[in-house]
């Protein structure tokens, strides 16, 4: 196995690129996670199917725009 070190000449720390959430972003994130929690409970209780869960969760990602939506399946 060959390991190659990739450098671009910059030593910028990734953490330095982070910024605090605005209150609107924070509220949107909180609303999304609350909605997902309710959905999971509904799924567990058999009130919705796995397919319905996926469809509703996809809609919630569009509505609430959580920060890590692009990482979610």
N, C-alpha and C. Protein backbone atom coordinates (compact mmCIF):
# COMPACT_ATOMS: atom_id res chain seq x y z
N UNK A 1 0.85 -1.18 0.00
CA UNK A 1 0.00 0.00 0.00
C UNK A 1 0.89 1.23 0.00
N UNK A 2 0.56 2.18 -0.86
CA UNK A 2 1.31 3.42 -0.95
C UNK A 2 0.51 4.54 -0.30
N UNK A 3 1.18 5.32 0.53
CA UNK A 3 0.55 6.46 1.20
C UNK A 3 1.17 7.72 0.63
N UNK A 4 0.33 8.64 0.21
CA UNK A 4 0.81 9.90 -0.36
C UNK A 4 0.32 11.04 0.51
N UNK A 5 1.24 11.88 0.90
CA UNK A 5 0.89 13.06 1.68
C UNK A 5 0.50 14.18 0.73
N UNK A 6 -0.69 14.72 0.92
CA UNK A 6 -1.18 15.78 0.06
C UNK A 6 -1.10 17.09 0.83
N UNK A 7 -0.40 18.04 0.25
CA UNK A 7 -0.31 19.35 0.88
C UNK A 7 -0.62 20.42 -0.15
N UNK A 8 -1.23 21.47 0.31
CA UNK A 8 -1.53 22.58 -0.59
C UNK A 8 -0.79 23.85 -0.17
N UNK A 9 0.08 23.70 0.81
CA UNK A 9 0.86 24.85 1.24
C UNK A 9 0.19 25.67 2.32
N UNK A 10 -1.07 25.44 2.58
CA UNK A 10 -1.74 26.21 3.62
C UNK A 10 -1.82 25.39 4.89
N UNK A 11 -1.76 26.05 5.98
CA UNK A 11 -1.88 25.37 7.27
C UNK A 11 -3.11 25.88 8.02
N UNK A 12 -4.12 26.27 7.27
CA UNK A 12 -5.35 26.80 7.86
C UNK A 12 -6.04 25.70 8.64
N UNK A 13 -6.36 26.00 9.86
CA UNK A 13 -7.06 25.06 10.71
C UNK A 13 -8.54 25.08 10.34
N UNK A 14 -9.14 23.90 10.17
CA UNK A 14 -10.54 23.80 9.79
C UNK A 14 -11.43 24.48 10.82
N UNK A 15 -11.09 24.37 12.07
CA UNK A 15 -11.90 24.96 13.14
C UNK A 15 -12.00 26.47 12.97
N UNK A 16 -10.97 27.10 12.45
CA UNK A 16 -11.00 28.56 12.31
C UNK A 16 -12.02 29.01 11.27
N UNK A 17 -12.50 28.08 10.41
CA UNK A 17 -13.47 28.43 9.39
C UNK A 17 -14.90 28.33 9.91
N UNK A 18 -15.09 27.81 11.10
CA UNK A 18 -16.43 27.68 11.67
C UNK A 18 -16.93 29.04 12.14
N UNK A 19 -18.25 29.20 12.09
CA UNK A 19 -18.85 30.43 12.59
C UNK A 19 -20.02 30.05 13.48
N UNK A 20 -20.36 30.90 14.40
CA UNK A 20 -21.50 30.59 15.27
C UNK A 20 -22.81 30.56 14.47
N UNK A 21 -23.75 29.79 14.96
CA UNK A 21 -25.07 29.74 14.34
C UNK A 21 -25.83 31.02 14.64
N UNK A 22 -26.61 31.45 13.67
CA UNK A 22 -27.51 32.56 13.94
C UNK A 22 -28.69 31.98 14.73
N UNK A 23 -29.48 32.83 15.33
CA UNK A 23 -30.62 32.34 16.10
C UNK A 23 -31.62 31.63 15.19
N UNK A 24 -31.78 32.11 13.95
CA UNK A 24 -32.69 31.45 13.00
C UNK A 24 -32.18 30.07 12.60
N UNK A 25 -30.87 29.95 12.37
CA UNK A 25 -30.28 28.65 12.04
C UNK A 25 -30.43 27.68 13.20
N UNK A 26 -30.19 28.17 14.40
CA UNK A 26 -30.31 27.33 15.58
C UNK A 26 -31.75 26.84 15.75
N UNK A 27 -32.71 27.75 15.57
CA UNK A 27 -34.13 27.38 15.71
C UNK A 27 -34.52 26.37 14.65
N UNK A 28 -34.06 26.55 13.43
CA UNK A 28 -34.36 25.62 12.34
C UNK A 28 -33.79 24.24 12.65
N UNK A 29 -32.57 24.20 13.16
CA UNK A 29 -31.92 22.95 13.53
C UNK A 29 -32.71 22.25 14.64
N UNK A 30 -33.09 23.00 15.64
CA UNK A 30 -33.86 22.46 16.75
C UNK A 30 -35.22 21.93 16.28
N UNK A 31 -35.89 22.69 15.44
CA UNK A 31 -37.18 22.26 14.91
C UNK A 31 -37.05 20.96 14.12
N UNK A 32 -35.99 20.86 13.31
CA UNK A 32 -35.78 19.64 12.52
C UNK A 32 -35.60 18.43 13.44
N UNK A 33 -34.75 18.56 14.44
CA UNK A 33 -34.48 17.41 15.31
C UNK A 33 -35.71 17.04 16.14
N UNK A 34 -36.51 18.02 16.51
CA UNK A 34 -37.77 17.71 17.21
C UNK A 34 -38.72 16.94 16.29
N UNK A 35 -38.84 17.41 15.05
CA UNK A 35 -39.72 16.75 14.09
C UNK A 35 -39.25 15.31 13.83
N UNK A 36 -37.95 15.13 13.71
CA UNK A 36 -37.43 13.78 13.47
C UNK A 36 -37.69 12.87 14.67
N UNK A 37 -37.55 13.40 15.86
CA UNK A 37 -37.82 12.63 17.07
C UNK A 37 -39.27 12.16 17.10
N UNK A 38 -40.18 13.05 16.76
CA UNK A 38 -41.61 12.69 16.72
C UNK A 38 -41.85 11.63 15.65
N UNK A 39 -41.22 11.81 14.47
CA UNK A 39 -41.37 10.82 13.40
C UNK A 39 -40.89 9.44 13.83
N UNK A 40 -39.74 9.41 14.50
CA UNK A 40 -39.19 8.12 14.95
C UNK A 40 -40.14 7.44 15.95
N UNK A 41 -40.74 8.23 16.82
CA UNK A 41 -41.71 7.67 17.77
C UNK A 41 -42.93 7.13 17.04
N UNK A 42 -43.40 7.86 16.03
CA UNK A 42 -44.55 7.41 15.25
C UNK A 42 -44.22 6.11 14.52
N UNK A 43 -43.02 6.01 13.98
CA UNK A 43 -42.58 4.80 13.29
C UNK A 43 -42.52 3.63 14.27
N UNK A 44 -41.95 3.88 15.42
CA UNK A 44 -41.81 2.83 16.44
C UNK A 44 -43.18 2.33 16.92
N UNK A 45 -44.16 3.23 16.99
CA UNK A 45 -45.51 2.87 17.44
C UNK A 45 -46.33 2.24 16.32
N UNK A 46 -45.79 2.23 15.10
CA UNK A 46 -46.51 1.64 13.98
C UNK A 46 -47.55 2.56 13.35
N UNK A 47 -47.46 3.85 13.66
CA UNK A 47 -48.42 4.80 13.12
C UNK A 47 -48.11 5.19 11.68
N UNK A 48 -46.83 5.06 11.30
CA UNK A 48 -46.42 5.31 9.91
C UNK A 48 -45.49 4.19 9.48
N UNK A 49 -45.41 4.00 8.16
CA UNK A 49 -44.53 2.97 7.61
C UNK A 49 -43.12 3.54 7.42
N UNK A 50 -42.18 2.65 7.14
CA UNK A 50 -40.80 3.07 6.88
C UNK A 50 -40.75 4.00 5.66
N UNK A 51 -41.55 3.67 4.65
CA UNK A 51 -41.60 4.49 3.44
C UNK A 51 -42.16 5.89 3.74
N UNK A 52 -43.21 5.95 4.54
CA UNK A 52 -43.77 7.25 4.94
C UNK A 52 -42.77 8.04 5.76
N UNK A 53 -42.07 7.35 6.65
CA UNK A 53 -41.04 8.01 7.46
C UNK A 53 -40.00 8.66 6.57
N UNK A 54 -39.51 7.91 5.57
CA UNK A 54 -38.49 8.43 4.67
C UNK A 54 -38.98 9.64 3.89
N UNK A 55 -40.21 9.57 3.39
CA UNK A 55 -40.78 10.68 2.61
C UNK A 55 -40.95 11.93 3.46
N UNK A 56 -41.49 11.75 4.66
CA UNK A 56 -41.71 12.90 5.55
C UNK A 56 -40.38 13.49 6.00
N UNK A 57 -39.43 12.63 6.30
CA UNK A 57 -38.12 13.09 6.74
C UNK A 57 -37.42 13.88 5.63
N UNK A 58 -37.56 13.43 4.40
CA UNK A 58 -36.99 14.15 3.26
C UNK A 58 -37.62 15.54 3.14
N UNK A 59 -38.92 15.61 3.29
CA UNK A 59 -39.61 16.91 3.26
C UNK A 59 -39.14 17.82 4.40
N UNK A 60 -38.98 17.24 5.58
CA UNK A 60 -38.50 18.02 6.73
C UNK A 60 -37.12 18.61 6.48
N UNK A 61 -36.25 17.85 5.81
CA UNK A 61 -34.92 18.36 5.49
C UNK A 61 -35.00 19.57 4.57
N UNK A 62 -35.95 19.54 3.64
CA UNK A 62 -36.13 20.67 2.73
C UNK A 62 -36.71 21.87 3.46
N UNK A 63 -37.66 21.62 4.33
CA UNK A 63 -38.34 22.71 5.05
C UNK A 63 -37.42 23.36 6.08
N UNK A 64 -36.79 22.54 6.91
CA UNK A 64 -35.99 23.06 8.01
C UNK A 64 -34.54 23.33 7.64
N UNK A 65 -34.04 22.76 6.55
CA UNK A 65 -32.65 22.93 6.10
C UNK A 65 -31.63 22.74 7.22
N UNK A 66 -31.61 21.56 7.85
CA UNK A 66 -30.61 21.36 8.91
C UNK A 66 -29.21 21.43 8.32
N UNK A 67 -28.25 21.85 9.12
CA UNK A 67 -26.89 22.07 8.65
C UNK A 67 -26.24 20.82 8.07
N UNK A 68 -26.56 19.67 8.59
CA UNK A 68 -25.90 18.45 8.14
C UNK A 68 -26.79 17.61 7.23
N UNK A 69 -27.76 18.23 6.60
CA UNK A 69 -28.68 17.50 5.72
C UNK A 69 -27.96 16.78 4.60
N UNK A 70 -26.90 17.41 4.06
CA UNK A 70 -26.19 16.79 2.95
C UNK A 70 -25.45 15.53 3.39
N UNK A 71 -25.23 15.34 4.67
CA UNK A 71 -24.57 14.13 5.17
C UNK A 71 -25.55 13.01 5.47
N UNK A 72 -26.83 13.36 5.55
CA UNK A 72 -27.85 12.39 5.92
C UNK A 72 -28.29 11.57 4.73
N UNK A 73 -28.62 10.29 4.98
CA UNK A 73 -29.06 9.44 3.87
C UNK A 73 -30.42 9.84 3.33
